[in-house]
Amino acid sequence: MKIIGLTDIHGRTGYPETLVKQMRSADVIAIAGDITNFGGYSEAGAIIETIASTNGRIIAVHGNCDKRGVVEFLSARQINIHALSRIVDDVQFLGLGGSNKTPFHTPHEYDDEETKEILEAFPQSPRTRFHMLISHAPPFKSKLDRMFLGLHVGSKPVREYIEAFQPDIVLCGHIHEARGIDHIGKTLIINPGPFPKHYVVIDIDKEIAFTLY
């Protein structure tokens, strides 16, 4: 399976042909939030339909900078996996949108208890060989939640979930300057950085391989 992982689009359009070719060949395009820059239903529609014109096999969660209308559009398009599970071949995808609390009071922020309730309710499918969490917020105290001033601002419940259940892959975003990879136990965690300048191609066969762009 070939997965294109992307995040933090923030309303950007105009994708280079090399990227379009990658997207066309993907089995799944996984979007980890901040589709718009404080936009709603119509703004999300414009972005998602642009991506879908290259490949309609999309699953997505909202980010903290996406308004309620974004969630409504993703649900209407039947690609929303926030607080949901989707199985494609032998991969189970789990979704967590929004972020933990920030000083900026952005449209979608959840307290730790709300996030724990979502994560603890996820089923663990024994029918799939691989599990992938798509979370806008990165795990707390990782290489991927460190702001430019050095502060760790990720989600504690996301870290606790990874430590407890060890999903194979976590795709996250939110902290633009923390692009890269990290591991918690056996879990590979990827923040590909803001799209379309950056994205990740994940190839899952008997093992997991990936390339950051």
N, C-alpha and C. Protein backbone atom coordinates (compact mmCIF):
# COMPACT_ATOMS: atom_id res chain seq x y z
N MET A 1 0.84 -1.19 0.00
CA MET A 1 0.00 0.00 0.00
C MET A 1 0.88 1.25 0.00
N LYS A 2 0.52 2.20 -0.84
CA LYS A 2 1.22 3.48 -0.89
C LYS A 2 0.33 4.56 -0.31
N ILE A 3 0.82 5.23 0.74
CA ILE A 3 0.08 6.29 1.42
C ILE A 3 0.83 7.61 1.26
N ILE A 4 0.13 8.62 0.79
CA ILE A 4 0.68 9.98 0.80
C ILE A 4 0.16 10.66 2.07
N GLY A 5 1.07 11.04 2.97
CA GLY A 5 0.70 11.71 4.20
C GLY A 5 1.00 13.19 4.11
N LEU A 6 0.00 14.01 4.41
CA LEU A 6 0.20 15.45 4.34
C LEU A 6 -0.57 16.15 5.45
N THR A 7 -0.16 17.36 5.76
CA THR A 7 -0.75 18.10 6.86
C THR A 7 -0.51 19.59 6.68
N ASP A 8 -1.26 20.37 7.43
CA ASP A 8 -1.05 21.83 7.50
C ASP A 8 -1.04 22.48 6.12
N ILE A 9 -2.13 22.23 5.39
CA ILE A 9 -2.28 22.83 4.06
C ILE A 9 -2.55 24.32 4.18
N HIS A 10 -3.38 24.69 5.14
CA HIS A 10 -3.73 26.09 5.41
C HIS A 10 -4.19 26.83 4.15
N GLY A 11 -4.99 26.13 3.35
CA GLY A 11 -5.62 26.76 2.19
C GLY A 11 -4.76 26.88 0.96
N ARG A 12 -3.56 26.34 0.98
CA ARG A 12 -2.66 26.49 -0.18
C ARG A 12 -3.10 25.59 -1.34
N THR A 13 -3.01 26.15 -2.53
CA THR A 13 -3.27 25.39 -3.75
C THR A 13 -2.09 25.59 -4.70
N GLY A 14 -2.15 24.91 -5.85
CA GLY A 14 -1.06 25.03 -6.82
C GLY A 14 0.02 24.02 -6.53
N TYR A 15 -0.19 22.77 -6.95
CA TYR A 15 0.72 21.69 -6.62
C TYR A 15 1.58 21.33 -7.83
N PRO A 16 2.89 21.18 -7.63
CA PRO A 16 3.78 20.87 -8.76
C PRO A 16 3.45 19.50 -9.37
N GLU A 17 3.80 19.32 -10.64
CA GLU A 17 3.44 18.10 -11.36
C GLU A 17 4.08 16.87 -10.73
N THR A 18 5.28 17.01 -10.19
CA THR A 18 5.92 15.85 -9.55
C THR A 18 5.09 15.37 -8.37
N LEU A 19 4.51 16.29 -7.61
CA LEU A 19 3.65 15.95 -6.49
C LEU A 19 2.35 15.34 -6.98
N VAL A 20 1.77 15.91 -8.03
CA VAL A 20 0.52 15.39 -8.59
C VAL A 20 0.69 13.94 -9.03
N LYS A 21 1.82 13.63 -9.65
CA LYS A 21 2.09 12.25 -10.08
C LYS A 21 2.15 11.31 -8.88
N GLN A 22 2.79 11.75 -7.81
CA GLN A 22 2.84 10.94 -6.60
C GLN A 22 1.43 10.70 -6.06
N MET A 23 0.63 11.74 -6.04
CA MET A 23 -0.72 11.63 -5.50
C MET A 23 -1.58 10.70 -6.33
N ARG A 24 -1.43 10.75 -7.64
CA ARG A 24 -2.23 9.90 -8.52
C ARG A 24 -1.96 8.42 -8.28
N SER A 25 -0.76 8.09 -7.88
CA SER A 25 -0.38 6.69 -7.74
C SER A 25 -0.64 6.14 -6.34
N ALA A 26 -1.17 6.96 -5.43
CA ALA A 26 -1.35 6.52 -4.04
C ALA A 26 -2.61 5.67 -3.88
N ASP A 27 -2.55 4.75 -2.94
CA ASP A 27 -3.73 3.99 -2.55
C ASP A 27 -4.59 4.78 -1.57
N VAL A 28 -3.94 5.60 -0.75
CA VAL A 28 -4.64 6.44 0.23
C VAL A 28 -3.91 7.77 0.35
N ILE A 29 -4.67 8.86 0.39
CA ILE A 29 -4.11 10.16 0.76
C ILE A 29 -4.64 10.48 2.15
N ALA A 30 -3.74 10.57 3.12
CA ALA A 30 -4.10 10.80 4.52
C ALA A 30 -3.75 12.23 4.90
N ILE A 31 -4.75 12.97 5.36
CA ILE A 31 -4.59 14.40 5.69
C ILE A 31 -4.74 14.58 7.19
N ALA A 32 -3.70 15.15 7.81
CA ALA A 32 -3.66 15.28 9.28
C ALA A 32 -4.00 16.68 9.76
N GLY A 33 -4.97 17.32 9.13
CA GLY A 33 -5.53 18.55 9.69
C GLY A 33 -4.94 19.86 9.22
N ASP A 34 -5.59 20.94 9.69
CA ASP A 34 -5.34 22.31 9.23
C ASP A 34 -5.41 22.37 7.71
N ILE A 35 -6.54 21.94 7.22
CA ILE A 35 -6.83 21.99 5.78
C ILE A 35 -6.99 23.43 5.33
N THR A 36 -7.60 24.25 6.18
CA THR A 36 -7.83 25.66 5.87
C THR A 36 -7.05 26.54 6.85
N ASN A 37 -7.09 27.83 6.59
CA ASN A 37 -6.51 28.80 7.51
C ASN A 37 -7.66 29.57 8.15
N PHE A 38 -8.28 28.94 9.16
CA PHE A 38 -9.46 29.48 9.84
C PHE A 38 -10.65 29.60 8.88
N GLY A 39 -10.74 28.62 7.96
CA GLY A 39 -11.85 28.58 7.02
C GLY A 39 -12.89 27.56 7.43
N GLY A 40 -13.99 27.54 6.64
CA GLY A 40 -15.10 26.66 6.93
C GLY A 40 -15.42 25.73 5.78
N TYR A 41 -16.71 25.48 5.58
CA TYR A 41 -17.20 24.47 4.64
C TYR A 41 -16.70 24.72 3.22
N SER A 42 -16.90 25.92 2.69
CA SER A 42 -16.55 26.19 1.29
C SER A 42 -15.04 26.17 1.09
N GLU A 43 -14.30 26.69 2.05
CA GLU A 43 -12.83 26.68 1.91
C GLU A 43 -12.30 25.26 1.93
N ALA A 44 -12.86 24.43 2.81
CA ALA A 44 -12.44 23.03 2.84
C ALA A 44 -12.79 22.33 1.54
N GLY A 45 -13.98 22.65 1.00
CA GLY A 45 -14.41 22.05 -0.25
C GLY A 45 -13.45 22.35 -1.38
N ALA A 46 -13.00 23.60 -1.45
CA ALA A 46 -12.08 23.98 -2.53
C ALA A 46 -10.77 23.19 -2.44
N ILE A 47 -10.24 23.03 -1.24
CA ILE A 47 -8.98 22.31 -1.07
C ILE A 47 -9.15 20.83 -1.33
N ILE A 48 -10.15 20.23 -0.72
CA ILE A 48 -10.34 18.78 -0.85
C ILE A 48 -10.66 18.40 -2.29
N GLU A 49 -11.47 19.19 -2.96
CA GLU A 49 -11.81 18.85 -4.35
C GLU A 49 -10.61 19.03 -5.27
N THR A 50 -9.73 19.96 -4.94
CA THR A 50 -8.48 20.09 -5.71
C THR A 50 -7.64 18.83 -5.56
N ILE A 51 -7.52 18.34 -4.33
CA ILE A 51 -6.76 17.12 -4.10
C ILE A 51 -7.46 15.93 -4.74
N ALA A 52 -8.79 15.87 -4.59
CA ALA A 52 -9.57 14.75 -5.14
C ALA A 52 -9.51 14.69 -6.65
N SER A 53 -9.24 15.81 -7.30
CA SER A 53 -9.13 15.79 -8.76
C SER A 53 -7.92 14.99 -9.22
N THR A 54 -6.96 14.79 -8.32
CA THR A 54 -5.81 13.94 -8.63
C THR A 54 -6.01 12.52 -8.11
N ASN A 55 -6.72 12.41 -6.97
CA ASN A 55 -6.94 11.09 -6.35
C ASN A 55 -8.03 11.24 -5.29
N GLY A 56 -9.13 10.54 -5.47
CA GLY A 56 -10.25 10.66 -4.56
C GLY A 56 -10.20 9.76 -3.35
N ARG A 57 -9.14 8.96 -3.22
CA ARG A 57 -9.06 8.02 -2.09
C ARG A 57 -8.45 8.74 -0.88
N ILE A 58 -9.27 9.56 -0.23
CA ILE A 58 -8.82 10.47 0.82
C ILE A 58 -9.44 10.08 2.16
N ILE A 59 -8.65 10.16 3.22
CA ILE A 59 -9.16 10.16 4.58
C ILE A 59 -8.54 11.35 5.29
N ALA A 60 -9.29 11.97 6.20
CA ALA A 60 -8.81 13.23 6.77
C ALA A 60 -9.38 13.48 8.15
N VAL A 61 -8.63 14.28 8.92
CA VAL A 61 -9.13 14.87 10.15
C VAL A 61 -8.95 16.37 10.06
N HIS A 62 -9.69 17.09 10.88
CA HIS A 62 -9.55 18.54 10.95
C HIS A 62 -8.39 18.91 11.86
N GLY A 63 -7.93 20.15 11.73
CA GLY A 63 -6.91 20.68 12.62
C GLY A 63 -7.49 21.72 13.55
N ASN A 64 -6.67 22.25 14.42
CA ASN A 64 -7.16 23.27 15.35
C ASN A 64 -7.54 24.57 14.65
N CYS A 65 -6.97 24.82 13.47
CA CYS A 65 -7.26 26.05 12.73
C CYS A 65 -8.42 25.89 11.75
N ASP A 66 -9.08 24.75 11.76
CA ASP A 66 -10.25 24.51 10.90
C ASP A 66 -11.52 24.76 11.70
N LYS A 67 -12.44 25.52 11.13
CA LYS A 67 -13.71 25.79 11.80
C LYS A 67 -14.66 24.60 11.66
N ARG A 68 -15.80 24.69 12.32
CA ARG A 68 -16.77 23.59 12.36
C ARG A 68 -17.18 23.15 10.95
N GLY A 69 -17.31 24.11 10.04
CA GLY A 69 -17.72 23.77 8.69
C GLY A 69 -16.78 22.81 7.98
N VAL A 70 -15.52 22.82 8.36
CA VAL A 70 -14.56 21.88 7.77
C VAL A 70 -14.94 20.45 8.15
N VAL A 71 -15.25 20.25 9.42
CA VAL A 71 -15.66 18.92 9.87
C VAL A 71 -16.94 18.50 9.15
N GLU A 72 -17.87 19.44 9.00
CA GLU A 72 -19.12 19.14 8.31
C GLU A 72 -18.87 18.74 6.86
N PHE A 73 -17.94 19.43 6.20
CA PHE A 73 -17.63 19.07 4.81
C PHE A 73 -16.99 17.69 4.74
N LEU A 74 -16.02 17.42 5.59
CA LEU A 74 -15.36 16.11 5.57
C LEU A 74 -16.37 14.99 5.81
N SER A 75 -17.32 15.23 6.71
CA SER A 75 -18.34 14.22 6.99
C SER A 75 -19.27 14.05 5.80
N ALA A 76 -19.67 15.16 5.18
CA ALA A 76 -20.55 15.09 4.02
C ALA A 76 -19.87 14.36 2.87
N ARG A 77 -18.58 14.53 2.76
CA ARG A 77 -17.79 13.88 1.69
C ARG A 77 -17.43 12.44 2.04
N GLN A 78 -17.77 12.04 3.29
CA GLN A 78 -17.52 10.69 3.80
C GLN A 78 -16.03 10.34 3.84
N ILE A 79 -15.22 11.33 4.19
CA ILE A 79 -13.78 11.10 4.33
C ILE A 79 -13.28 11.44 5.73
N ASN A 80 -14.19 11.88 6.61
CA ASN A 80 -13.82 12.25 7.96
C ASN A 80 -13.56 11.01 8.80
N ILE A 81 -12.40 10.92 9.46
CA ILE A 81 -12.17 9.81 10.38
C ILE A 81 -11.86 10.29 11.79
N HIS A 82 -12.20 11.53 12.12
CA HIS A 82 -12.03 11.99 13.51
C HIS A 82 -12.89 11.12 14.43
N ALA A 83 -12.25 10.54 15.44
CA ALA A 83 -12.91 9.66 16.41
C ALA A 83 -13.50 8.42 15.75
N LEU A 84 -12.98 8.06 14.57
CA LEU A 84 -13.48 6.92 13.83
C LEU A 84 -12.33 6.02 13.40
N SER A 85 -12.70 4.84 12.92
CA SER A 85 -11.73 3.88 12.40
C SER A 85 -12.12 3.51 10.97
N ARG A 86 -11.12 3.36 10.12
CA ARG A 86 -11.35 2.94 8.74
C ARG A 86 -10.31 1.88 8.39
N ILE A 87 -10.75 0.78 7.82
CA ILE A 87 -9.84 -0.28 7.41
C ILE A 87 -9.72 -0.29 5.89
N VAL A 88 -8.49 -0.21 5.41
CA VAL A 88 -8.18 -0.31 3.98
C VAL A 88 -7.17 -1.43 3.82
N ASP A 89 -7.58 -2.48 3.12
CA ASP A 89 -6.73 -3.68 2.99
C ASP A 89 -6.34 -4.18 4.38
N ASP A 90 -5.05 -4.23 4.68
CA ASP A 90 -4.64 -4.73 5.99
C ASP A 90 -4.11 -3.63 6.90
N VAL A 91 -4.59 -2.38 6.68
CA VAL A 91 -4.21 -1.24 7.53
C VAL A 91 -5.46 -0.67 8.18
N GLN A 92 -5.42 -0.54 9.50
CA GLN A 92 -6.49 0.15 10.23
C GLN A 92 -6.05 1.59 10.49
N PHE A 93 -6.84 2.54 9.99
CA PHE A 93 -6.58 3.96 10.20
C PHE A 93 -7.48 4.47 11.32
N LEU A 94 -6.90 5.23 12.25
CA LEU A 94 -7.62 5.83 13.35
C LEU A 94 -7.41 7.33 13.29
N GLY A 95 -8.43 8.12 13.61
CA GLY A 95 -8.34 9.56 13.42
C GLY A 95 -8.58 10.39 14.66
N LEU A 96 -7.75 11.42 14.85
CA LEU A 96 -7.91 12.38 15.95
C LEU A 96 -7.65 13.78 15.43
N GLY A 97 -8.70 14.57 15.32
CA GLY A 97 -8.56 15.95 14.83
C GLY A 97 -8.32 16.95 15.94
N GLY A 98 -8.22 18.22 15.56
CA GLY A 98 -8.02 19.29 16.52
C GLY A 98 -6.67 19.22 17.21
N SER A 99 -6.57 19.88 18.35
CA SER A 99 -5.31 19.85 19.11
C SER A 99 -5.62 19.98 20.58
N ASN A 100 -4.60 19.81 21.40
CA ASN A 100 -4.70 20.13 22.82
C ASN A 100 -4.80 21.66 22.95
N LYS A 101 -5.07 22.11 24.15
CA LYS A 101 -5.29 23.55 24.38
C LYS A 101 -4.05 24.37 24.03
N THR A 102 -4.29 25.53 23.42
CA THR A 102 -3.22 26.48 23.08
C THR A 102 -3.55 27.83 23.71
N PRO A 103 -2.58 28.76 23.74
CA PRO A 103 -2.88 30.11 24.25
C PRO A 103 -3.73 30.94 23.28
N PHE A 104 -4.00 30.41 22.08
CA PHE A 104 -4.58 31.23 21.03
C PHE A 104 -6.09 31.00 20.83
N HIS A 105 -6.67 30.04 21.57
CA HIS A 105 -8.11 29.79 21.50
C HIS A 105 -8.58 29.59 20.06
N THR A 106 -7.91 28.68 19.37
CA THR A 106 -8.26 28.38 17.98
C THR A 106 -9.55 27.55 17.93
N PRO A 107 -10.15 27.39 16.74
CA PRO A 107 -11.50 26.83 16.66
C PRO A 107 -11.67 25.42 17.22
N HIS A 108 -10.66 24.55 17.10
CA HIS A 108 -10.83 23.17 17.56
C HIS A 108 -9.71 22.78 18.51
N GLU A 109 -9.97 22.99 19.79
CA GLU A 109 -9.04 22.57 20.84
C GLU A 109 -9.80 21.72 21.85
N TYR A 110 -9.17 20.63 22.29
CA TYR A 110 -9.81 19.70 23.23
C TYR A 110 -8.98 19.60 24.49
N ASP A 111 -9.66 19.48 25.62
CA ASP A 111 -8.89 19.24 26.85
C ASP A 111 -8.46 17.78 26.90
N ASP A 112 -7.59 17.46 27.82
CA ASP A 112 -7.00 16.12 27.86
C ASP A 112 -8.05 15.03 28.08
N GLU A 113 -9.06 15.32 28.88
CA GLU A 113 -10.09 14.31 29.15
C GLU A 113 -10.89 13.98 27.90
N GLU A 114 -11.24 15.02 27.12
CA GLU A 114 -11.95 14.78 25.87
C GLU A 114 -11.12 13.91 24.92
N THR A 115 -9.84 14.24 24.83
CA THR A 115 -8.96 13.49 23.94
C THR A 115 -8.81 12.04 24.40
N LYS A 116 -8.65 11.84 25.70
CA LYS A 116 -8.53 10.48 26.23
C LYS A 116 -9.77 9.66 25.89
N GLU A 117 -10.95 10.25 26.02
CA GLU A 117 -12.19 9.53 25.73
C GLU A 117 -12.21 9.04 24.29
N ILE A 118 -11.76 9.91 23.38
CA ILE A 118 -11.72 9.52 21.96
C ILE A 118 -10.72 8.39 21.74
N LEU A 119 -9.52 8.54 22.26
CA LEU A 119 -8.47 7.55 22.03
C LEU A 119 -8.80 6.21 22.68
N GLU A 120 -9.36 6.25 23.88
CA GLU A 120 -9.65 5.00 24.59
C GLU A 120 -10.81 4.23 23.95
N ALA A 121 -11.62 4.92 23.14
CA ALA A 121 -12.75 4.26 22.49
C ALA A 121 -12.37 3.59 21.18
N PHE A 122 -11.15 3.80 20.70
CA PHE A 122 -10.75 3.20 19.43
C PHE A 122 -10.70 1.68 19.54
N PRO A 123 -11.30 0.99 18.57
CA PRO A 123 -11.15 -0.46 18.54
C PRO A 123 -9.76 -0.83 18.02
N GLN A 124 -9.29 -1.99 18.39
CA GLN A 124 -8.03 -2.51 17.87
C GLN A 124 -8.36 -3.73 17.00
N SER A 125 -8.29 -3.57 15.70
CA SER A 125 -8.73 -4.63 14.80
C SER A 125 -7.69 -5.75 14.72
N PRO A 126 -8.07 -6.96 15.09
CA PRO A 126 -7.14 -8.09 14.96
C PRO A 126 -7.01 -8.56 13.52
N ARG A 127 -7.89 -8.04 12.63
CA ARG A 127 -7.86 -8.48 11.23
C ARG A 127 -6.81 -7.76 10.41
N THR A 128 -6.24 -6.71 10.97
CA THR A 128 -5.27 -5.92 10.21
C THR A 128 -3.87 -6.11 10.76
N ARG A 129 -2.89 -6.05 9.86
CA ARG A 129 -1.49 -6.24 10.28
C ARG A 129 -0.86 -4.94 10.75
N PHE A 130 -1.40 -3.81 10.29
CA PHE A 130 -0.80 -2.52 10.61
C PHE A 130 -1.87 -1.57 11.14
N HIS A 131 -1.46 -0.70 12.07
CA HIS A 131 -2.34 0.31 12.64
C HIS A 131 -1.68 1.68 12.49
N MET A 132 -2.45 2.64 12.00
CA MET A 132 -1.92 3.98 11.75
C MET A 132 -2.85 5.02 12.36
N LEU A 133 -2.32 5.82 13.28
CA LEU A 133 -3.05 6.92 13.89
C LEU A 133 -2.76 8.21 13.13
N ILE A 134 -3.82 8.86 12.68
CA ILE A 134 -3.70 10.17 12.04
C ILE A 134 -4.16 11.21 13.06
N SER A 135 -3.21 11.93 13.63
CA SER A 135 -3.49 12.88 14.71
C SER A 135 -2.91 14.23 14.34
N HIS A 136 -3.75 15.27 14.36
CA HIS A 136 -3.18 16.59 14.05
C HIS A 136 -2.11 16.95 15.07
N ALA A 137 -2.38 16.69 16.34
CA ALA A 137 -1.42 17.05 17.39
C ALA A 137 -0.35 15.97 17.52
N PRO A 138 0.91 16.37 17.64
CA PRO A 138 1.98 15.39 17.88
C PRO A 138 1.99 14.98 19.35
N PRO A 139 2.68 13.88 19.66
CA PRO A 139 2.79 13.48 21.07
C PRO A 139 3.70 14.43 21.86
N PHE A 140 3.37 14.60 23.11
CA PHE A 140 4.12 15.47 24.02
C PHE A 140 5.54 14.94 24.23
N LYS A 141 6.47 15.88 24.38
CA LYS A 141 7.87 15.58 24.65
C LYS A 141 8.46 14.61 23.63
N SER A 142 8.31 15.00 22.37
CA SER A 142 8.93 14.26 21.28
C SER A 142 9.72 15.27 20.44
N LYS A 143 10.38 14.77 19.41
CA LYS A 143 11.09 15.67 18.51
C LYS A 143 10.12 16.49 17.65
N LEU A 144 8.86 16.08 17.64
CA LEU A 144 7.90 16.64 16.69
C LEU A 144 6.94 17.63 17.32
N ASP A 145 7.10 17.94 18.59
CA ASP A 145 6.21 18.92 19.24
C ASP A 145 6.98 20.10 19.81
N ARG A 146 8.25 20.22 19.40
CA ARG A 146 9.10 21.29 19.95
C ARG A 146 9.00 22.54 19.09
N MET A 147 8.55 23.64 19.71
CA MET A 147 8.48 24.92 19.00
C MET A 147 9.88 25.51 18.85
N PHE A 148 9.97 26.58 18.05
CA PHE A 148 11.29 27.16 17.77
C PHE A 148 11.96 27.69 19.03
N LEU A 149 11.19 28.00 20.09
CA LEU A 149 11.77 28.45 21.35
C LEU A 149 12.19 27.28 22.24
N GLY A 150 11.93 26.05 21.77
CA GLY A 150 12.35 24.87 22.51
C GLY A 150 11.29 24.26 23.41
N LEU A 151 10.10 24.88 23.46
CA LEU A 151 9.03 24.37 24.31
C LEU A 151 8.35 23.16 23.68
N HIS A 152 8.02 22.16 24.49
CA HIS A 152 7.24 21.02 24.04
C HIS A 152 5.76 21.34 24.23
N VAL A 153 4.99 21.27 23.16
CA VAL A 153 3.59 21.71 23.22
C VAL A 153 2.63 20.66 22.67
N GLY A 154 3.05 19.41 22.61
CA GLY A 154 2.22 18.36 22.06
C GLY A 154 1.18 17.84 23.04
N SER A 155 0.52 16.79 22.63
CA SER A 155 -0.59 16.21 23.39
C SER A 155 -0.10 15.09 24.32
N LYS A 156 -0.39 15.23 25.60
CA LYS A 156 -0.04 14.18 26.56
C LYS A 156 -0.87 12.92 26.33
N PRO A 157 -2.20 13.03 26.10
CA PRO A 157 -2.97 11.80 25.83
C PRO A 157 -2.51 11.05 24.58
N VAL A 158 -2.07 11.77 23.56
CA VAL A 158 -1.57 11.10 22.36
C VAL A 158 -0.31 10.31 22.70
N ARG A 159 0.56 10.89 23.49
CA ARG A 159 1.77 10.15 23.90
C ARG A 159 1.40 8.92 24.72
N GLU A 160 0.46 9.09 25.65
CA GLU A 160 0.05 7.96 26.49
C GLU A 160 -0.57 6.85 25.64
N TYR A 161 -1.34 7.23 24.64
CA TYR A 161 -1.95 6.23 23.76
C TYR A 161 -0.87 5.46 22.99
N ILE A 162 0.11 6.18 22.48
CA ILE A 162 1.20 5.52 21.74
C ILE A 162 1.96 4.57 22.65
N GLU A 163 2.28 5.03 23.85
CA GLU A 163 3.02 4.18 24.78
C GLU A 163 2.24 2.91 25.12
N ALA A 164 0.91 3.04 25.26
CA ALA A 164 0.09 1.90 25.68
C ALA A 164 -0.19 0.92 24.55
N PHE A 165 -0.48 1.45 23.34
CA PHE A 165 -0.97 0.59 22.26
C PHE A 165 0.03 0.38 21.12
N GLN A 166 1.05 1.21 21.05
CA GLN A 166 2.12 1.03 20.07
C GLN A 166 1.59 0.84 18.63
N PRO A 167 0.82 1.81 18.11
CA PRO A 167 0.46 1.72 16.69
C PRO A 167 1.74 1.73 15.84
N ASP A 168 1.65 1.16 14.65
CA ASP A 168 2.84 1.07 13.81
C ASP A 168 3.32 2.43 13.34
N ILE A 169 2.37 3.30 12.98
CA ILE A 169 2.71 4.63 12.44
C ILE A 169 1.78 5.67 13.05
N VAL A 170 2.32 6.85 13.32
CA VAL A 170 1.51 8.03 13.65
C VAL A 170 1.88 9.12 12.66
N LEU A 171 0.87 9.65 11.97
CA LEU A 171 1.05 10.81 11.10
C LEU A 171 0.49 12.01 11.84
N CYS A 172 1.31 13.05 12.04
CA CYS A 172 0.87 14.23 12.79
C CYS A 172 1.35 15.50 12.09
N GLY A 173 1.06 16.63 12.68
CA GLY A 173 1.45 17.91 12.11
C GLY A 173 1.47 18.97 13.20
N HIS A 174 0.75 20.09 12.95
CA HIS A 174 0.50 21.14 13.95
C HIS A 174 1.70 22.05 14.18
N ILE A 175 2.86 21.48 14.50
CA ILE A 175 4.06 22.29 14.77
C ILE A 175 4.90 22.30 13.50
N HIS A 176 4.79 23.38 12.73
CA HIS A 176 5.38 23.43 11.40
C HIS A 176 6.90 23.26 11.44
N GLU A 177 7.52 23.86 12.44
CA GLU A 177 8.98 23.86 12.48
C GLU A 177 9.56 22.54 13.00
N ALA A 178 8.69 21.62 13.42
CA ALA A 178 9.16 20.35 13.99
C ALA A 178 9.07 19.21 12.98
N ARG A 179 9.22 19.52 11.71
CA ARG A 179 9.19 18.50 10.66
C ARG A 179 10.26 17.45 10.92
N GLY A 180 9.88 16.17 10.77
CA GLY A 180 10.86 15.11 10.94
C GLY A 180 10.21 13.82 11.41
N ILE A 181 11.02 12.95 12.00
CA ILE A 181 10.52 11.67 12.49
C ILE A 181 10.99 11.44 13.92
N ASP A 182 10.30 10.56 14.61
CA ASP A 182 10.70 10.16 15.95
C ASP A 182 10.14 8.76 16.18
N HIS A 183 10.54 8.15 17.27
CA HIS A 183 10.02 6.84 17.67
C HIS A 183 9.66 6.89 19.15
N ILE A 184 8.54 6.26 19.48
CA ILE A 184 8.21 5.96 20.87
C ILE A 184 7.98 4.45 20.90
N GLY A 185 8.91 3.74 21.51
CA GLY A 185 8.87 2.28 21.42
C GLY A 185 9.03 1.88 19.96
N LYS A 186 8.15 1.01 19.49
CA LYS A 186 8.23 0.56 18.10
C LYS A 186 7.45 1.45 17.15
N THR A 187 6.79 2.47 17.68
CA THR A 187 5.95 3.33 16.85
C THR A 187 6.77 4.37 16.10
N LEU A 188 6.61 4.39 14.78
CA LEU A 188 7.22 5.42 13.94
C LEU A 188 6.27 6.62 13.88
N ILE A 189 6.79 7.80 14.21
CA ILE A 189 5.98 9.01 14.23
C ILE A 189 6.56 9.98 13.21
N ILE A 190 5.67 10.50 12.34
CA ILE A 190 6.12 11.37 11.24
C ILE A 190 5.33 12.67 11.25
N ASN A 191 6.05 13.78 11.29
CA ASN A 191 5.47 15.10 11.01
C ASN A 191 6.11 15.56 9.69
N PRO A 192 5.39 15.44 8.57
CA PRO A 192 6.02 15.72 7.27
C PRO A 192 6.28 17.19 7.02
N GLY A 193 5.70 18.09 7.84
CA GLY A 193 5.84 19.52 7.60
C GLY A 193 4.72 20.03 6.70
N PRO A 194 4.61 21.37 6.55
CA PRO A 194 3.48 21.97 5.84
C PRO A 194 3.43 21.60 4.36
N PHE A 195 2.26 21.22 3.93
CA PHE A 195 1.97 20.88 2.53
C PHE A 195 1.64 22.17 1.76
N PRO A 196 1.96 22.28 0.46
CA PRO A 196 2.53 21.26 -0.42
C PRO A 196 4.06 21.26 -0.50
N LYS A 197 4.71 22.15 0.24
CA LYS A 197 6.18 22.13 0.19
C LYS A 197 6.72 20.80 0.70
N HIS A 198 6.05 20.23 1.69
CA HIS A 198 6.51 18.99 2.29
C HIS A 198 5.37 17.97 2.37
N TYR A 199 5.73 16.70 2.30
CA TYR A 199 4.79 15.60 2.47
C TYR A 199 5.62 14.34 2.66
N VAL A 200 4.95 13.22 2.93
CA VAL A 200 5.65 11.95 3.11
C VAL A 200 4.97 10.89 2.27
N VAL A 201 5.77 10.01 1.69
CA VAL A 201 5.28 8.82 0.99
C VAL A 201 5.62 7.62 1.85
N ILE A 202 4.59 6.89 2.26
CA ILE A 202 4.76 5.71 3.10
C ILE A 202 4.39 4.48 2.28
N ASP A 203 5.28 3.52 2.22
CA ASP A 203 5.02 2.26 1.52
C ASP A 203 4.93 1.14 2.55
N ILE A 204 3.78 0.48 2.58
CA ILE A 204 3.57 -0.62 3.51
C ILE A 204 3.40 -1.91 2.73
N ASP A 205 4.32 -2.83 2.97
CA ASP A 205 4.21 -4.17 2.40
C ASP A 205 4.39 -5.13 3.57
N LYS A 206 5.41 -5.92 3.56
CA LYS A 206 5.71 -6.74 4.74
C LYS A 206 6.34 -5.88 5.83
N GLU A 207 6.97 -4.78 5.41
CA GLU A 207 7.56 -3.83 6.33
C GLU A 207 7.11 -2.43 5.93
N ILE A 208 7.54 -1.43 6.70
CA ILE A 208 7.17 -0.03 6.44
C ILE A 208 8.40 0.73 5.97
N ALA A 209 8.26 1.39 4.82
CA ALA A 209 9.32 2.28 4.32
C ALA A 209 8.70 3.64 4.06
N PHE A 210 9.50 4.69 4.12
CA PHE A 210 8.94 6.03 3.91
C PHE A 210 10.02 6.96 3.36
N THR A 211 9.54 8.00 2.67
CA THR A 211 10.43 9.05 2.18
C THR A 211 9.78 10.40 2.46
N LEU A 212 10.51 11.26 3.13
CA LEU A 212 10.05 12.64 3.37
C LEU A 212 10.45 13.51 2.20
N TYR A 213 9.54 14.36 1.78
CA TYR A 213 9.81 15.32 0.68
C TYR A 213 9.64 16.74 1.18
